């Protein structure tokens, strides 16, 4: 099925990932991210087992490895020299790990010792790195999206630097800052924050200063629930969980269009988003959660539901 229009026309490939048929794959609660390596391998997480899955572009499992985390809720790939590394944030266990692409743990990020966590919950949902290959300093940003809605900054060695929570700015205090993304499309690099429960994207400088917020408010209410980011060329693709769609933005943060929109799905299904795959509609999303793009501009979307669904939007 084709969706989109013009230069953003895609073939919606339903159930693209050929995941081995086991009871845990059918009944597990998928709630993970997805990334694509430089070689085109698509890396995601198993629906029910603590296992990283690596797929080829056709959705066949190339390899897998077991991990100590319960889910890779947020995933990010970084390159250091000639080597790629995978970052995973697990909201269940509070772990943030850096691993090789064969599963060897290289580094872990600890929860900062802050007053807000004396009684508050720590539940990290995403991470991003200001990569040195892009002129960055290697800083690591971790968002506590399901806990106290803070975003923490560490240096490349994992030492804590500071935190932001949106308070006292025009964007306001974060509310479920679900994911972060270091945007290098323009000469001045920026930190994009998926401020999901506020229905907006907030943008900060890489030193932690507020710059702007958009998507909700006087400029128009055209964002619903931004949850994760991917970029290809000059365009940014934003997952909207409750909007049940992929939102396309141009380099100036303007709305270009929506893909697979199924607005209102969360109101129409009991138990949403944890519904079965049998209730899904081809060409429309139900509960998109993770997103990545490959070098050809194809888009990969992981949905949050029982048994999971991995969709490939292949450039048409």
Protein backbone atom coordinates (compact mmCIF):
# COMPACT_ATOMS: atom_id res chain seq x y z
CA UNK A 1 0.00 0.00 0.00
CA UNK A 2 1.31 3.45 -0.92
CA UNK A 3 1.05 6.37 1.49
CA UNK A 4 2.19 9.99 1.39
CA UNK A 5 2.60 12.17 -1.68
CA UNK A 6 5.18 13.80 -3.90
CA UNK A 7 8.77 13.30 -2.77
CA UNK A 8 7.43 11.75 0.45
CA UNK A 9 5.64 8.76 -1.09
CA UNK A 10 6.32 5.38 0.50
CA UNK A 11 5.31 1.76 0.27
CA UNK A 12 3.84 0.74 3.64
CA UNK A 13 5.32 -2.72 4.30
CA UNK A 14 3.28 -4.20 7.12
CA UNK A 15 4.92 -6.69 9.53
CA UNK A 16 8.21 -6.14 7.73
CA UNK A 17 10.31 -7.84 10.42
CA UNK A 18 10.43 -11.64 10.19
CA UNK A 19 10.62 -12.33 13.93
CA UNK A 20 10.80 -16.02 14.95
CA UNK A 21 7.30 -17.21 15.91
CA UNK A 22 7.43 -18.01 19.62
CA UNK A 23 4.94 -17.47 22.42
CA UNK A 24 7.02 -14.59 23.81
CA UNK A 25 7.07 -12.90 20.39
CA UNK A 26 3.29 -13.23 20.09
CA UNK A 27 2.35 -12.16 23.63
CA UNK A 28 5.24 -9.92 24.67
CA UNK A 29 4.74 -6.22 25.26
CA UNK A 30 6.82 -4.41 22.62
CA UNK A 31 7.98 -0.98 23.84
CA UNK A 32 11.32 -0.29 22.18
CA UNK A 33 13.29 1.88 19.80
CA UNK A 34 15.00 1.17 16.49
CA UNK A 35 18.22 2.33 14.78
CA UNK A 36 20.00 1.64 11.48
CA UNK A 37 23.74 1.01 11.17
CA UNK A 38 25.97 2.42 8.43
CA UNK A 39 25.88 -0.97 6.71
CA UNK A 40 22.07 -0.91 6.60
CA UNK A 41 21.40 -3.36 9.43
CA UNK A 42 18.26 -2.50 11.38
CA UNK A 43 18.69 -2.94 15.14
CA UNK A 44 15.68 -3.29 17.44
CA UNK A 45 14.55 -5.30 20.47
CA UNK A 46 12.51 -8.45 20.98
CA UNK A 47 8.86 -8.08 22.03
CA UNK A 48 9.08 -10.34 25.06
CA UNK A 49 12.69 -11.42 25.63
CA UNK A 50 15.73 -9.38 26.80
CA UNK A 51 17.28 -9.74 23.38
CA UNK A 52 18.62 -7.32 20.78
CA UNK A 53 17.62 -8.29 17.22
CA UNK A 54 19.57 -7.28 14.11
CA UNK A 55 17.71 -7.42 10.78
CA UNK A 56 18.80 -7.10 7.18
CA UNK A 57 16.95 -4.57 4.96
CA UNK A 58 14.44 -7.27 4.01
CA UNK A 59 13.49 -7.92 7.62
CA UNK A 60 15.35 -11.21 8.13
CA UNK A 61 17.13 -11.69 11.46
CA UNK A 62 20.88 -11.60 10.86
CA UNK A 63 21.91 -12.16 14.45
CA UNK A 64 20.87 -11.45 18.03
CA UNK A 65 22.30 -11.21 21.51
CA UNK A 66 20.97 -11.35 25.03
CA UNK A 67 21.31 -8.32 27.27
CA UNK A 68 20.87 -7.38 30.92
CA UNK A 69 18.18 -4.79 30.20
CA UNK A 70 14.46 -5.52 29.96
CA UNK A 71 13.80 -3.33 26.96
CA UNK A 72 15.72 -0.93 24.74
CA UNK A 73 13.09 1.77 25.14
CA UNK A 74 15.39 4.37 23.64
CA UNK A 75 18.15 3.50 21.17
CA UNK A 76 20.89 5.58 19.54
CA UNK A 77 23.87 4.73 17.34
CA UNK A 78 27.15 6.63 17.48
CA UNK A 79 30.39 6.30 15.56
CA UNK A 80 33.81 6.73 17.13
CA UNK A 81 36.64 6.45 14.65
CA UNK A 82 35.70 3.50 12.46
CA UNK A 83 33.53 1.79 15.06
CA UNK A 84 29.80 2.09 15.71
CA UNK A 85 28.34 1.72 19.20
CA UNK A 86 24.78 1.27 20.42
CA UNK A 87 23.27 3.24 23.31
CA UNK A 88 20.19 1.82 25.01
CA UNK A 89 17.98 3.36 27.72
CA UNK A 90 15.78 1.00 29.73
CA UNK A 91 12.88 2.63 31.57
CA UNK A 92 12.15 -0.57 33.54
CA UNK A 93 15.55 -1.05 35.17
CA UNK A 94 16.92 2.49 35.01
CA UNK A 95 19.93 1.35 33.00
CA UNK A 96 21.62 3.36 30.27
CA UNK A 97 24.21 1.26 28.47
CA UNK A 98 26.70 1.67 25.64
CA UNK A 99 27.54 -1.57 23.83
CA UNK A 100 29.36 -2.81 20.77
CA UNK A 101 27.23 -4.07 17.91
CA UNK A 102 27.83 -7.62 19.10
CA UNK A 103 26.57 -6.92 22.62
CA UNK A 104 29.70 -6.20 24.67
CA UNK A 105 29.01 -3.51 27.31
CA UNK A 106 31.44 -0.59 27.08
CA UNK A 107 29.96 1.96 29.48
CA UNK A 108 27.03 2.55 31.80
CA UNK A 109 25.52 5.88 32.86
CA UNK A 110 24.40 6.22 36.47
CA UNK A 111 21.41 8.16 37.74
CA UNK A 112 22.62 11.54 39.03
CA UNK A 113 22.57 12.15 42.79
CA UNK A 114 19.90 14.86 42.84
CA UNK A 115 17.35 15.91 45.44
CA UNK A 116 14.50 15.14 43.05
CA UNK A 117 15.41 11.44 43.30
CA UNK A 118 15.37 11.21 47.07
CA UNK A 119 11.81 10.00 46.71
CA UNK A 120 11.19 10.45 43.00
CA UNK A 121 11.31 7.81 40.30
CA UNK A 122 14.11 7.48 37.74
CA UNK A 123 12.94 5.95 34.46
CA UNK A 124 15.17 6.85 31.46
CA UNK A 125 13.55 6.70 28.05
CA UNK A 126 16.08 8.07 25.56
CA UNK A 127 19.63 9.16 24.96
CA UNK A 128 21.63 11.16 22.42
CA UNK A 129 25.33 11.93 21.96
CA UNK A 130 26.93 15.09 20.58
CA UNK A 131 29.31 13.10 18.43
CA UNK A 132 32.88 14.26 17.93
CA UNK A 133 32.72 13.29 14.24
CA UNK A 134 30.14 16.07 13.85
CA UNK A 135 32.29 18.61 15.69
CA UNK A 136 30.81 17.83 19.09
CA UNK A 137 32.47 17.18 22.43
CA UNK A 138 31.07 13.69 23.06
CA UNK A 139 28.51 14.87 25.64
CA UNK A 140 25.78 12.35 26.45
CA UNK A 141 22.18 13.45 27.06
CA UNK A 142 19.77 11.16 28.92
CA UNK A 143 16.08 11.95 29.27
CA UNK A 144 14.16 10.74 32.33
CA UNK A 145 10.90 10.70 30.42
CA UNK A 146 8.88 8.37 32.64
CA UNK A 147 10.30 9.59 35.91
CA UNK A 148 10.87 13.18 37.01
CA UNK A 149 10.90 14.73 33.51
CA UNK A 150 14.48 15.93 33.75
CA UNK A 151 17.16 15.67 31.07
CA UNK A 152 20.69 14.98 32.29
CA UNK A 153 23.98 15.86 30.64
CA UNK A 154 27.22 13.88 31.00
CA UNK A 155 30.64 14.23 29.43
CA UNK A 156 32.05 11.58 27.10
CA UNK A 157 33.48 9.69 30.09
CA UNK A 158 30.06 9.48 31.72
CA UNK A 159 30.69 12.12 34.41
CA UNK A 160 27.59 14.13 35.34
CA UNK A 161 27.59 17.79 34.22
CA UNK A 162 24.09 19.12 34.87
CA UNK A 163 20.36 18.86 34.19
CA UNK A 164 17.52 20.80 32.60
CA UNK A 165 13.78 20.48 33.24
CA UNK A 166 12.33 23.30 31.14
CA UNK A 167 11.31 25.35 34.16
CA UNK A 168 11.46 29.13 33.88
CA UNK A 169 11.52 29.17 30.07
CA UNK A 170 8.95 30.04 27.41
CA UNK A 171 8.64 26.35 26.62
CA UNK A 172 7.72 25.53 30.20
CA UNK A 173 8.55 22.54 32.37
CA UNK A 174 8.98 19.29 30.47
CA UNK A 175 6.19 16.76 30.76
CA UNK A 176 7.21 13.29 29.60
CA UNK A 177 10.32 14.36 27.64
CA UNK A 178 10.30 11.05 25.79
CA UNK A 179 13.35 11.40 23.56
CA UNK A 180 16.23 13.69 22.60
CA UNK A 181 18.07 14.21 19.33
CA UNK A 182 21.24 16.16 18.50
CA UNK A 183 20.41 17.92 15.24
CA UNK A 184 23.42 18.66 13.01
CA UNK A 185 21.59 19.72 9.83
CA UNK A 186 22.43 23.39 10.26
CA UNK A 187 25.74 25.11 11.11
CA UNK A 188 24.55 25.74 14.68
CA UNK A 189 23.82 22.35 16.19
CA UNK A 190 20.84 21.97 18.52
CA UNK A 191 19.20 19.59 20.97
CA UNK A 192 15.62 18.60 20.05
CA UNK A 193 13.38 17.37 22.88
CA UNK A 194 10.17 15.40 22.32
CA UNK A 195 8.08 17.03 25.06
CA UNK A 196 5.34 14.47 24.55
CA UNK A 197 2.68 15.24 27.15
CA UNK A 198 2.94 18.96 26.40
CA UNK A 199 2.34 18.23 22.71
CA UNK A 200 5.37 20.17 21.58
CA UNK A 201 9.02 20.03 20.60
CA UNK A 202 11.45 22.11 22.61
CA UNK A 203 14.83 23.09 21.19
CA UNK A 204 17.90 23.83 23.32
CA UNK A 205 21.49 24.73 22.63
CA UNK A 206 24.15 22.12 23.32
CA UNK A 207 25.17 24.02 26.46
CA UNK A 208 21.65 23.59 27.85
CA UNK A 209 20.06 26.97 27.07
CA UNK A 210 16.46 27.25 25.84
CA UNK A 211 16.00 28.45 22.23
CA UNK A 212 12.41 27.83 21.13
CA UNK A 213 9.36 25.57 21.34
CA UNK A 214 6.87 24.77 18.60
CA UNK A 215 3.93 22.61 17.59
CA UNK A 216 1.42 23.75 20.20
CA UNK A 217 0.26 27.27 20.98
CA UNK A 218 -0.14 30.57 19.10
CA UNK A 219 1.76 29.23 16.09
CA UNK A 220 -0.79 26.46 15.59
CA UNK A 221 -1.67 23.19 17.27
CA UNK A 222 -0.31 20.75 14.70
CA UNK A 223 1.71 18.47 16.99
CA UNK A 224 -0.07 15.97 19.20
CA UNK A 225 2.39 13.75 21.05
CA UNK A 226 5.97 13.89 19.67
CA UNK A 227 7.85 10.85 20.91
CA UNK A 228 11.03 10.19 18.86
CA UNK A 229 13.09 11.58 15.99
CA UNK A 230 14.91 10.53 12.84
CA UNK A 231 16.53 12.62 10.11
CA UNK A 232 17.25 12.08 6.44
CA UNK A 233 18.72 14.90 4.41
CA UNK A 234 17.05 18.17 5.34
CA UNK A 235 13.91 16.52 6.71
CA UNK A 236 13.09 15.42 10.24
CA UNK A 237 10.61 12.60 10.91
CA UNK A 238 8.81 12.70 14.24
CA UNK A 239 6.87 9.82 15.74
CA UNK A 240 3.60 10.88 17.37
CA UNK A 241 2.34 8.14 19.68
CA UNK A 242 -1.24 9.27 20.33
CA UNK A 243 -1.44 10.98 16.97
CA UNK A 244 -0.71 7.55 15.45
CA UNK A 245 1.40 9.03 12.68
CA UNK A 246 4.82 10.09 11.43
CA UNK A 247 5.08 13.87 11.13
CA UNK A 248 7.48 15.37 8.58
CA UNK A 249 9.25 18.67 9.34
CA UNK A 250 11.51 20.72 7.10
CA UNK A 251 14.81 22.17 8.24
CA UNK A 252 13.03 25.28 9.59
CA UNK A 253 10.61 23.26 11.77
CA UNK A 254 7.69 23.76 9.40
CA UNK A 255 5.08 21.05 8.96
CA UNK A 256 5.41 19.22 5.63
CA UNK A 257 2.83 16.49 6.20
CA UNK A 258 1.80 13.31 7.98
CA UNK A 259 2.32 9.64 7.14
CA UNK A 260 0.05 6.75 8.13
CA UNK A 261 -2.17 8.99 10.24
CA UNK A 262 -4.77 7.21 12.36
CA UNK A 263 -5.80 9.99 14.74
CA UNK A 264 -8.18 8.85 17.42
CA UNK A 265 -7.03 5.22 17.49
CA UNK A 266 -6.11 5.60 21.15
CA UNK A 267 -9.72 6.53 21.96
CA UNK A 268 -11.32 3.73 19.99
CA UNK A 269 -9.53 0.64 21.31
CA UNK A 270 -9.85 -0.72 24.84
CA UNK A 271 -6.45 -1.15 26.45
CA UNK A 272 -4.64 0.94 23.83
CA UNK A 273 -1.73 0.82 23.06
CA UNK A 274 -1.49 -2.77 24.26
CA UNK A 275 -3.78 -4.23 21.64
CA UNK A 276 -3.14 -7.32 19.55
CA UNK A 277 -1.68 -7.25 16.07
CA UNK A 278 -4.93 -8.63 14.69
CA UNK A 279 -6.60 -5.25 15.27
CA UNK A 280 -4.13 -3.30 13.12
CA UNK A 281 -4.84 -1.65 9.78
CA UNK A 282 -2.41 -1.75 6.87
CA UNK A 283 -1.33 1.70 5.82
CA UNK A 284 -2.16 3.24 9.18
CA UNK A 285 -0.23 3.29 12.44
CA UNK A 286 -1.69 2.35 15.79
CA UNK A 287 0.93 3.34 18.38
CA UNK A 288 4.25 4.26 16.73
CA UNK A 289 7.05 4.42 19.29
CA UNK A 290 10.50 4.17 17.69
CA UNK A 291 11.77 5.46 14.34
CA UNK A 292 14.91 5.34 12.22
CA UNK A 293 15.96 6.03 8.62
CA UNK A 294 18.54 4.39 6.39
CA UNK A 295 20.88 5.90 3.82
CA UNK A 296 18.34 5.52 1.03
CA UNK A 297 15.64 7.39 2.94
CA UNK A 298 13.56 4.35 3.92
CA UNK A 299 11.85 4.73 7.30
CA UNK A 300 11.54 2.03 9.97
CA UNK A 301 8.87 2.30 12.68
CA UNK A 302 8.50 0.14 15.79
CA UNK A 303 5.03 0.14 17.38
CA UNK A 304 4.15 -0.22 21.06
CA UNK A 305 1.63 -3.06 21.35
CA UNK A 306 1.19 -6.70 22.25
CA UNK A 307 3.40 -8.74 19.93
CA UNK A 308 4.82 -5.60 18.35
CA UNK A 309 4.82 -4.45 14.76
CA UNK A 310 7.80 -3.31 12.72
CA UNK A 311 6.83 -1.32 9.63
CA UNK A 312 9.09 -0.32 6.78
CA UNK A 313 8.15 2.74 4.76
CA UNK A 314 10.09 2.07 1.57
CA UNK A 315 10.76 5.01 -0.72
CA UNK A 316 8.38 4.60 -3.67
